[in-house]
Amino acid sequence: DWSDGLASARSFVSRYSWSYPNLSDP
């Protein structure tokens, strides 16, 4: 997740049911 907030990223991941590793590059 690039240049984004953690709460927004988690919401996006939940919306698309991603279960693979995702890292944060805020």
PDB file of all heavy atoms in Angstrom:
ATOM      1  N   ASP A   1       0.859  -1.178   0.000  1.00  0.00           N
ATOM      2  CA  ASP A   1       0.000   0.000   0.000  1.00  0.00           C
ATOM      3  C   ASP A   1       0.898   1.231   0.000  1.00  0.00           C
ATOM      4  O   ASP A   1       1.682   1.434   0.921  1.00  0.00           O
ATOM      5  CB  ASP A   1      -0.904  -0.028   1.238  1.00  0.00           C
ATOM      6  CG  ASP A   1      -1.814   1.173   1.312  1.00  0.00           C
ATOM      7  OD1 ASP A   1      -2.397   1.543   0.276  1.00  0.00           O
ATOM      8  OD2 ASP A   1      -1.944   1.735   2.410  1.00  0.00           O
ATOM      9  N   TRP A   2       0.780   2.042  -1.044  1.00  0.00           N
ATOM     10  CA  TRP A   2       1.705   3.154  -1.287  1.00  0.00           C
ATOM     11  C   TRP A   2       1.041   4.499  -1.010  1.00  0.00           C
ATOM     12  O   TRP A   2      -0.051   4.775  -1.523  1.00  0.00           O
ATOM     13  CB  TRP A   2       2.191   3.092  -2.736  1.00  0.00           C
ATOM     14  CG  TRP A   2       3.227   4.083  -3.094  1.00  0.00           C
ATOM     15  CD1 TRP A   2       4.556   4.034  -2.781  1.00  0.00           C
ATOM     16  CD2 TRP A   2       3.055   5.282  -3.859  1.00  0.00           C
ATOM     17  NE1 TRP A   2       5.211   5.120  -3.295  1.00  0.00           N
ATOM     18  CE2 TRP A   2       4.304   5.909  -3.965  1.00  0.00           C
ATOM     19  CE3 TRP A   2       1.950   5.886  -4.451  1.00  0.00           C
ATOM     20  CZ2 TRP A   2       4.495   7.104  -4.643  1.00  0.00           C
ATOM     21  CZ3 TRP A   2       2.138   7.070  -5.121  1.00  0.00           C
ATOM     22  CH2 TRP A   2       3.395   7.671  -5.217  1.00  0.00           C
ATOM     23  N   SER A   3       1.702   5.325  -0.182  1.00  0.00           N
ATOM     24  CA  SER A   3       1.249   6.698   0.095  1.00  0.00           C
ATOM     25  C   SER A   3      -0.223   6.746   0.487  1.00  0.00           C
ATOM     26  O   SER A   3      -1.025   7.453  -0.123  1.00  0.00           O
ATOM     27  CB  SER A   3       1.516   7.612  -1.104  1.00  0.00           C
ATOM     28  OG  SER A   3       2.894   7.762  -1.301  1.00  0.00           O
ATOM     29  N   ASP A   4      -0.545   6.007   1.514  1.00  0.00           N
ATOM     30  CA  ASP A   4      -1.935   5.835   1.919  1.00  0.00           C
ATOM     31  C   ASP A   4      -1.979   5.723   3.439  1.00  0.00           C
ATOM     32  O   ASP A   4      -0.966   5.442   4.082  1.00  0.00           O
ATOM     33  CB  ASP A   4      -2.450   4.543   1.271  1.00  0.00           C
ATOM     34  CG  ASP A   4      -3.953   4.492   1.103  1.00  0.00           C
ATOM     35  OD1 ASP A   4      -4.648   5.438   1.501  1.00  0.00           O
ATOM     36  OD2 ASP A   4      -4.426   3.481   0.562  1.00  0.00           O
ATOM     37  N   GLY A   5      -3.134   5.908   4.008  1.00  0.00           N
ATOM     38  CA  GLY A   5      -3.322   5.740   5.442  1.00  0.00           C
ATOM     39  C   GLY A   5      -3.652   4.298   5.781  1.00  0.00           C
ATOM     40  O   GLY A   5      -4.291   3.589   4.998  1.00  0.00           O
ATOM     41  N   LEU A   6      -3.254   3.856   6.970  1.00  0.00           N
ATOM     42  CA  LEU A   6      -3.440   2.477   7.381  1.00  0.00           C
ATOM     43  C   LEU A   6      -4.923   2.098   7.470  1.00  0.00           C
ATOM     44  O   LEU A   6      -5.319   1.015   7.036  1.00  0.00           O
ATOM     45  CB  LEU A   6      -2.736   2.226   8.722  1.00  0.00           C
ATOM     46  CG  LEU A   6      -2.568   0.784   9.143  1.00  0.00           C
ATOM     47  CD1 LEU A   6      -1.873  -0.047   8.068  1.00  0.00           C
ATOM     48  CD2 LEU A   6      -1.782   0.714  10.442  1.00  0.00           C
ATOM     49  N   ALA A   7      -5.755   2.981   8.000  1.00  0.00           N
ATOM     50  CA  ALA A   7      -7.191   2.676   8.109  1.00  0.00           C
ATOM     51  C   ALA A   7      -7.813   2.501   6.726  1.00  0.00           C
ATOM     52  O   ALA A   7      -8.599   1.566   6.504  1.00  0.00           O
ATOM     53  CB  ALA A   7      -7.912   3.773   8.884  1.00  0.00           C
ATOM     54  N   SER A   8      -7.469   3.361   5.790  1.00  0.00           N
ATOM     55  CA  SER A   8      -7.981   3.244   4.419  1.00  0.00           C
ATOM     56  C   SER A   8      -7.489   1.963   3.761  1.00  0.00           C
ATOM     57  O   SER A   8      -8.241   1.285   3.054  1.00  0.00           O
ATOM     58  CB  SER A   8      -7.552   4.453   3.581  1.00  0.00           C
ATOM     59  OG  SER A   8      -8.098   5.630   4.101  1.00  0.00           O
ATOM     60  N   ALA A   9      -6.229   1.630   4.003  1.00  0.00           N
ATOM     61  CA  ALA A   9      -5.655   0.412   3.431  1.00  0.00           C
ATOM     62  C   ALA A   9      -6.370  -0.824   3.970  1.00  0.00           C
ATOM     63  O   ALA A   9      -6.727  -1.729   3.206  1.00  0.00           O
ATOM     64  CB  ALA A   9      -4.164   0.341   3.736  1.00  0.00           C
ATOM     65  N   ARG A  10      -6.599  -0.867   5.273  1.00  0.00           N
ATOM     66  CA  ARG A  10      -7.263  -2.030   5.869  1.00  0.00           C
ATOM     67  C   ARG A  10      -8.697  -2.173   5.360  1.00  0.00           C
ATOM     68  O   ARG A  10      -9.182  -3.279   5.125  1.00  0.00           O
ATOM     69  CB  ARG A  10      -7.211  -1.933   7.383  1.00  0.00           C
ATOM     70  CG  ARG A  10      -5.823  -2.230   7.907  1.00  0.00           C
ATOM     71  CD  ARG A  10      -5.779  -2.387   9.405  1.00  0.00           C
ATOM     72  NE  ARG A  10      -4.451  -2.864   9.787  1.00  0.00           N
ATOM     73  CZ  ARG A  10      -3.768  -2.400  10.810  1.00  0.00           C
ATOM     74  NH1 ARG A  10      -4.288  -1.470  11.595  1.00  0.00           N
ATOM     75  NH2 ARG A  10      -2.578  -2.879  11.082  1.00  0.00           N
ATOM     76  N   SER A  11      -9.375  -1.052   5.167  1.00  0.00           N
ATOM     77  CA  SER A  11     -10.733  -1.075   4.633  1.00  0.00           C
ATOM     78  C   SER A  11     -10.739  -1.634   3.204  1.00  0.00           C
ATOM     79  O   SER A  11     -11.601  -2.443   2.838  1.00  0.00           O
ATOM     80  CB  SER A  11     -11.332   0.329   4.671  1.00  0.00           C
ATOM     81  OG  SER A  11     -12.600   0.348   4.084  1.00  0.00           O
ATOM     82  N   PHE A  12      -9.781  -1.203   2.390  1.00  0.00           N
ATOM     83  CA  PHE A  12      -9.648  -1.669   1.007  1.00  0.00           C
ATOM     84  C   PHE A  12      -9.404  -3.180   0.984  1.00  0.00           C
ATOM     85  O   PHE A  12     -10.056  -3.925   0.242  1.00  0.00           O
ATOM     86  CB  PHE A  12      -8.499  -0.914   0.331  1.00  0.00           C
ATOM     87  CG  PHE A  12      -8.351  -1.173  -1.138  1.00  0.00           C
ATOM     88  CD1 PHE A  12      -8.980  -0.354  -2.067  1.00  0.00           C
ATOM     89  CD2 PHE A  12      -7.551  -2.203  -1.613  1.00  0.00           C
ATOM     90  CE1 PHE A  12      -8.824  -0.571  -3.437  1.00  0.00           C
ATOM     91  CE2 PHE A  12      -7.390  -2.426  -2.973  1.00  0.00           C
ATOM     92  CZ  PHE A  12      -8.030  -1.607  -3.884  1.00  0.00           C
ATOM     93  N   VAL A  13      -8.465  -3.639   1.810  1.00  0.00           N
ATOM     94  CA  VAL A  13      -8.123  -5.056   1.887  1.00  0.00           C
ATOM     95  C   VAL A  13      -9.347  -5.874   2.296  1.00  0.00           C
ATOM     96  O   VAL A  13      -9.637  -6.926   1.710  1.00  0.00           O
ATOM     97  CB  VAL A  13      -6.953  -5.273   2.872  1.00  0.00           C
ATOM     98  CG1 VAL A  13      -6.817  -6.738   3.266  1.00  0.00           C
ATOM     99  CG2 VAL A  13      -5.651  -4.763   2.273  1.00  0.00           C
ATOM    100  N   SER A  14     -10.086  -5.386   3.258  1.00  0.00           N
ATOM    101  CA  SER A  14     -11.291  -6.073   3.723  1.00  0.00           C
ATOM    102  C   SER A  14     -12.353  -6.123   2.624  1.00  0.00           C
ATOM    103  O   SER A  14     -12.997  -7.163   2.404  1.00  0.00           O
ATOM    104  CB  SER A  14     -11.838  -5.365   4.957  1.00  0.00           C
ATOM    105  OG  SER A  14     -13.045  -5.942   5.371  1.00  0.00           O
ATOM    106  N   ARG A  15     -12.523  -5.017   1.920  1.00  0.00           N
ATOM    107  CA  ARG A  15     -13.522  -4.932   0.850  1.00  0.00           C
ATOM    108  C   ARG A  15     -13.293  -5.988  -0.226  1.00  0.00           C
ATOM    109  O   ARG A  15     -14.234  -6.562  -0.769  1.00  0.00           O
ATOM    110  CB  ARG A  15     -13.471  -3.535   0.239  1.00  0.00           C
ATOM    111  CG  ARG A  15     -14.417  -3.324  -0.902  1.00  0.00           C
ATOM    112  CD  ARG A  15     -14.315  -1.911  -1.415  1.00  0.00           C
ATOM    113  NE  ARG A  15     -15.216  -1.696  -2.513  1.00  0.00           N
ATOM    114  CZ  ARG A  15     -15.253  -0.610  -3.244  1.00  0.00           C
ATOM    115  NH1 ARG A  15     -14.450   0.399  -2.957  1.00  0.00           N
ATOM    116  NH2 ARG A  15     -16.090  -0.490  -4.233  1.00  0.00           N
ATOM    117  N   TYR A  16     -12.010  -6.258  -0.542  1.00  0.00           N
ATOM    118  CA  TYR A  16     -11.687  -7.210  -1.603  1.00  0.00           C
ATOM    119  C   TYR A  16     -11.262  -8.579  -1.072  1.00  0.00           C
ATOM    120  O   TYR A  16     -10.819  -9.421  -1.837  1.00  0.00           O
ATOM    121  CB  TYR A  16     -10.621  -6.614  -2.531  1.00  0.00           C
ATOM    122  CG  TYR A  16     -11.185  -5.425  -3.281  1.00  0.00           C
ATOM    123  CD1 TYR A  16     -10.866  -4.124  -2.893  1.00  0.00           C
ATOM    124  CD2 TYR A  16     -12.086  -5.606  -4.323  1.00  0.00           C
ATOM    125  CE1 TYR A  16     -11.421  -3.031  -3.560  1.00  0.00           C
ATOM    126  CE2 TYR A  16     -12.643  -4.524  -4.986  1.00  0.00           C
ATOM    127  CZ  TYR A  16     -12.303  -3.240  -4.589  1.00  0.00           C
ATOM    128  OH  TYR A  16     -12.862  -2.166  -5.247  1.00  0.00           O
ATOM    129  N   SER A  17     -11.387  -8.778   0.247  1.00  0.00           N
ATOM    130  CA  SER A  17     -11.092 -10.075   0.893  1.00  0.00           C
ATOM    131  C   SER A  17      -9.691 -10.584   0.588  1.00  0.00           C
ATOM    132  O   SER A  17      -9.491 -11.787   0.373  1.00  0.00           O
ATOM    133  CB  SER A  17     -12.134 -11.132   0.481  1.00  0.00           C
ATOM    134  OG  SER A  17     -13.433 -10.699   0.804  1.00  0.00           O
ATOM    135  N   TRP A  18      -8.721  -9.667   0.586  1.00  0.00           N
ATOM    136  CA  TRP A  18      -7.332 -10.080   0.368  1.00  0.00           C
ATOM    137  C   TRP A  18      -6.820 -10.759   1.627  1.00  0.00           C
ATOM    138  O   TRP A  18      -6.949 -10.229   2.727  1.00  0.00           O
ATOM    139  CB  TRP A  18      -6.449  -8.879   0.050  1.00  0.00           C
ATOM    140  CG  TRP A  18      -6.609  -8.327  -1.327  1.00  0.00           C
ATOM    141  CD1 TRP A  18      -7.345  -8.818  -2.361  1.00  0.00           C
ATOM    142  CD2 TRP A  18      -5.995  -7.129  -1.818  1.00  0.00           C
ATOM    143  NE1 TRP A  18      -7.216  -8.010  -3.465  1.00  0.00           N
ATOM    144  CE2 TRP A  18      -6.398  -6.975  -3.156  1.00  0.00           C
ATOM    145  CE3 TRP A  18      -5.154  -6.190  -1.247  1.00  0.00           C
ATOM    146  CZ2 TRP A  18      -5.967  -5.904  -3.946  1.00  0.00           C
ATOM    147  CZ3 TRP A  18      -4.726  -5.126  -2.024  1.00  0.00           C
ATOM    148  CH2 TRP A  18      -5.131  -4.987  -3.367  1.00  0.00           C
ATOM    149  N   SER A  19      -6.185 -11.912   1.459  1.00  0.00           N
ATOM    150  CA  SER A  19      -5.614 -12.621   2.596  1.00  0.00           C
ATOM    151  C   SER A  19      -4.104 -12.817   2.449  1.00  0.00           C
ATOM    152  O   SER A  19      -3.466 -13.341   3.350  1.00  0.00           O
ATOM    153  CB  SER A  19      -6.309 -13.971   2.784  1.00  0.00           C
ATOM    154  OG  SER A  19      -6.200 -14.737   1.599  1.00  0.00           O
ATOM    155  N   TYR A  20      -3.549 -12.404   1.333  1.00  0.00           N
ATOM    156  CA  TYR A  20      -2.108 -12.533   1.114  1.00  0.00           C
ATOM    157  C   TYR A  20      -1.387 -11.363   1.797  1.00  0.00           C
ATOM    158  O   TYR A  20      -1.998 -10.347   2.118  1.00  0.00           O
ATOM    159  CB  TYR A  20      -1.783 -12.614  -0.381  1.00  0.00           C
ATOM    160  CG  TYR A  20      -2.247 -11.438  -1.202  1.00  0.00           C
ATOM    161  CD1 TYR A  20      -1.420 -10.339  -1.408  1.00  0.00           C
ATOM    162  CD2 TYR A  20      -3.511 -11.422  -1.788  1.00  0.00           C
ATOM    163  CE1 TYR A  20      -1.841  -9.260  -2.171  1.00  0.00           C
ATOM    164  CE2 TYR A  20      -3.936 -10.356  -2.547  1.00  0.00           C
ATOM    165  CZ  TYR A  20      -3.090  -9.270  -2.731  1.00  0.00           C
ATOM    166  OH  TYR A  20      -3.510  -8.199  -3.483  1.00  0.00           O
ATOM    167  N   PRO A  21      -0.076 -11.491   2.042  1.00  0.00           N
ATOM    168  CA  PRO A  21       0.654 -10.444   2.751  1.00  0.00           C
ATOM    169  C   PRO A  21       0.565  -9.090   2.033  1.00  0.00           C
ATOM    170  O   PRO A  21       0.728  -9.016   0.815  1.00  0.00           O
ATOM    171  CB  PRO A  21       2.100 -10.943   2.761  1.00  0.00           C
ATOM    172  CG  PRO A  21       2.004 -12.416   2.552  1.00  0.00           C
ATOM    173  CD  PRO A  21       0.789 -12.627   1.703  1.00  0.00           C
ATOM    174  N   ASN A  22       0.300  -8.066   2.817  1.00  0.00           N
ATOM    175  CA  ASN A  22       0.290  -6.686   2.323  1.00  0.00           C
ATOM    176  C   ASN A  22       1.058  -5.824   3.304  1.00  0.00           C
ATOM    177  O   ASN A  22       0.819  -5.885   4.518  1.00  0.00           O
ATOM    178  CB  ASN A  22      -1.153  -6.179   2.192  1.00  0.00           C
ATOM    179  CG  ASN A  22      -1.707  -6.407   0.809  1.00  0.00           C
ATOM    180  OD1 ASN A  22      -1.566  -5.579  -0.065  1.00  0.00           O
ATOM    181  ND2 ASN A  22      -2.327  -7.577   0.621  1.00  0.00           N
ATOM    182  N   LEU A  23       1.959  -5.047   2.757  1.00  0.00           N
ATOM    183  CA  LEU A  23       2.819  -4.184   3.560  1.00  0.00           C
ATOM    184  C   LEU A  23       2.398  -2.736   3.377  1.00  0.00           C
ATOM    185  O   LEU A  23       1.657  -2.409   2.460  1.00  0.00           O
ATOM    186  CB  LEU A  23       4.279  -4.392   3.150  1.00  0.00           C
ATOM    187  CG  LEU A  23       4.747  -5.852   3.183  1.00  0.00           C
ATOM    188  CD1 LEU A  23       6.174  -5.960   2.654  1.00  0.00           C
ATOM    189  CD2 LEU A  23       4.639  -6.425   4.583  1.00  0.00           C
ATOM    190  N   SER A  24       2.907  -1.863   4.233  1.00  0.00           N
ATOM    191  CA  SER A  24       2.534  -0.457   4.209  1.00  0.00           C
ATOM    192  C   SER A  24       3.745   0.426   3.917  1.00  0.00           C
ATOM    193  O   SER A  24       4.774   0.323   4.586  1.00  0.00           O
ATOM    194  CB  SER A  24       1.938  -0.077   5.576  1.00  0.00           C
ATOM    195  OG  SER A  24       1.615   1.287   5.615  1.00  0.00           O
ATOM    196  N   ASP A  25       3.596   1.286   2.924  1.00  0.00           N
ATOM    197  CA  ASP A  25       4.619   2.271   2.532  1.00  0.00           C
ATOM    198  C   ASP A  25       3.961   3.648   2.575  1.00  0.00           C
ATOM    199  O   ASP A  25       3.731   4.271   1.543  1.00  0.00           O
ATOM    200  CB  ASP A  25       5.141   1.922   1.133  1.00  0.00           C
ATOM    201  CG  ASP A  25       6.264   2.823   0.651  1.00  0.00           C
ATOM    202  OD1 ASP A  25       6.924   3.468   1.483  1.00  0.00           O
ATOM    203  OD2 ASP A  25       6.470   2.881  -0.574  1.00  0.00           O
ATOM    204  N   PRO A  26       3.605   4.138   3.791  1.00  0.00           N
ATOM    205  CA  PRO A  26       2.772   5.340   3.912  1.00  0.00           C
ATOM    206  C   PRO A  26       3.400   6.607   3.351  1.00  0.00           C
ATOM    207  O   PRO A  26       2.679   7.483   2.874  1.00  0.00           O
ATOM    208  CB  PRO A  26       2.532   5.459   5.417  1.00  0.00           C
ATOM    209  CG  PRO A  26       3.668   4.726   6.048  1.00  0.00           C
ATOM    210  CD  PRO A  26       4.010   3.622   5.095  1.00  0.00           C
TER     211      PRO A  26
END
